Protein backbone atom coordinates (compact mmCIF):
# COMPACT_ATOMS: atom_id res chain seq x y z
CA MET A 1 95.20 126.62 118.12
CA THR A 2 96.04 126.16 114.52
CA ALA A 3 98.97 124.11 113.29
CA THR A 4 100.99 127.08 112.27
CA GLN A 5 100.38 128.58 115.85
CA CYS A 6 101.42 125.29 117.58
CA VAL A 7 104.66 125.16 115.28
CA LYS A 8 105.42 128.84 116.31
CA GLN A 9 104.81 128.09 120.00
CA ILE A 10 107.20 125.07 119.91
CA VAL A 11 110.09 127.06 118.08
CA LYS A 12 109.66 130.04 120.66
CA ASN A 13 109.72 127.76 123.68
CA GLU A 14 112.16 125.16 122.54
CA GLY A 15 113.78 126.15 119.47
CA VAL A 16 113.82 124.34 116.20
CA LYS A 17 115.21 121.27 117.83
CA GLY A 18 111.82 120.82 119.65
CA LEU A 19 110.33 119.83 116.40
CA TYR A 20 112.51 117.02 116.00
CA ARG A 21 112.41 115.50 119.50
CA SER A 22 110.50 112.35 118.85
CA TYR A 23 112.41 111.73 115.46
CA PRO A 24 114.79 108.97 116.93
CA VAL A 25 111.91 107.28 118.57
CA THR A 26 109.81 107.42 115.40
CA VAL A 27 112.63 105.79 113.32
CA THR A 28 113.32 103.25 116.09
CA MET A 29 109.75 102.41 115.94
CA ASN A 30 109.11 102.25 112.25
CA ILE A 31 112.00 99.77 111.47
CA PRO A 32 110.75 97.10 113.83
CA PHE A 33 106.99 97.80 112.59
CA ALA A 34 107.92 97.34 109.00
CA SER A 35 110.08 94.19 109.52
CA ALA A 36 107.13 92.66 111.66
CA VAL A 37 104.66 93.53 108.88
CA VAL A 38 106.76 91.94 106.23
CA CYS A 39 107.76 89.06 107.99
CA THR A 40 104.32 88.12 109.19
CA ASN A 41 102.45 88.70 106.07
CA GLU A 42 105.11 86.56 104.08
CA ASN A 43 104.92 83.81 106.53
CA LEU A 44 101.11 83.79 106.67
CA LYS A 45 100.99 83.73 102.93
CA THR A 46 103.37 80.75 102.71
CA VAL A 47 101.22 78.96 105.34
CA LEU A 48 97.79 79.87 103.95
CA ARG A 49 98.58 79.73 100.04
CA PRO A 50 95.84 82.13 99.16
CA TRP A 51 96.63 81.77 95.44
CA GLU A 52 95.44 78.08 95.70
CA GLY A 53 92.11 78.91 97.16
CA LYS A 54 88.77 80.06 95.86
CA TYR A 55 88.88 83.63 97.05
CA PRO A 56 92.62 84.50 96.91
CA TYR A 57 92.04 88.39 97.32
CA PHE A 58 90.05 87.80 100.39
CA TRP A 59 93.02 85.86 101.99
CA TYR A 60 95.52 88.28 100.86
CA PHE A 61 93.66 91.07 102.83
CA VAL A 62 93.31 88.65 105.90
CA CYS A 63 97.20 88.03 105.82
CA ALA A 64 97.84 91.85 105.55
CA GLY A 65 95.36 92.69 108.28
CA VAL A 66 96.65 90.06 110.69
CA ALA A 67 100.39 91.33 109.93
CA GLY A 68 99.34 94.90 110.63
CA GLY A 69 97.75 93.87 113.83
CA THR A 70 100.57 91.92 115.11
CA ALA A 71 103.02 94.80 114.16
CA GLY A 72 100.93 97.31 115.88
CA LEU A 73 100.72 95.11 119.15
CA LEU A 74 104.61 94.59 119.09
CA THR A 75 105.49 98.27 118.67
CA ASN A 76 102.75 99.90 120.71
CA PRO A 77 105.02 100.55 123.67
CA LEU A 78 107.36 102.68 121.38
CA ASP A 79 104.36 104.37 120.13
CA VAL A 80 103.29 105.45 123.54
CA VAL A 81 106.80 106.88 124.12
CA LYS A 82 106.80 108.72 120.96
CA THR A 83 103.27 110.17 121.78
CA ARG A 84 104.33 111.25 125.19
CA LEU A 85 107.35 113.06 123.75
């Protein structure tokens, strides 16, 4: 089934409202995710001080990776709810 056929089927069965069913959960999930990423990333950079080290770009990537993983772990239950909708 193509994406166009899928959209047509959803609109046929549930109406246009069916296309936006998971929107509130998506917004509810993205706000804590972004907050967790920013807070974790900035706190890690404050603790590790990558700009003072020999390979600063490596440590910036490490901080960003850990922050993304932490945020994903925290918001995973909401992502499951969104997917099931």
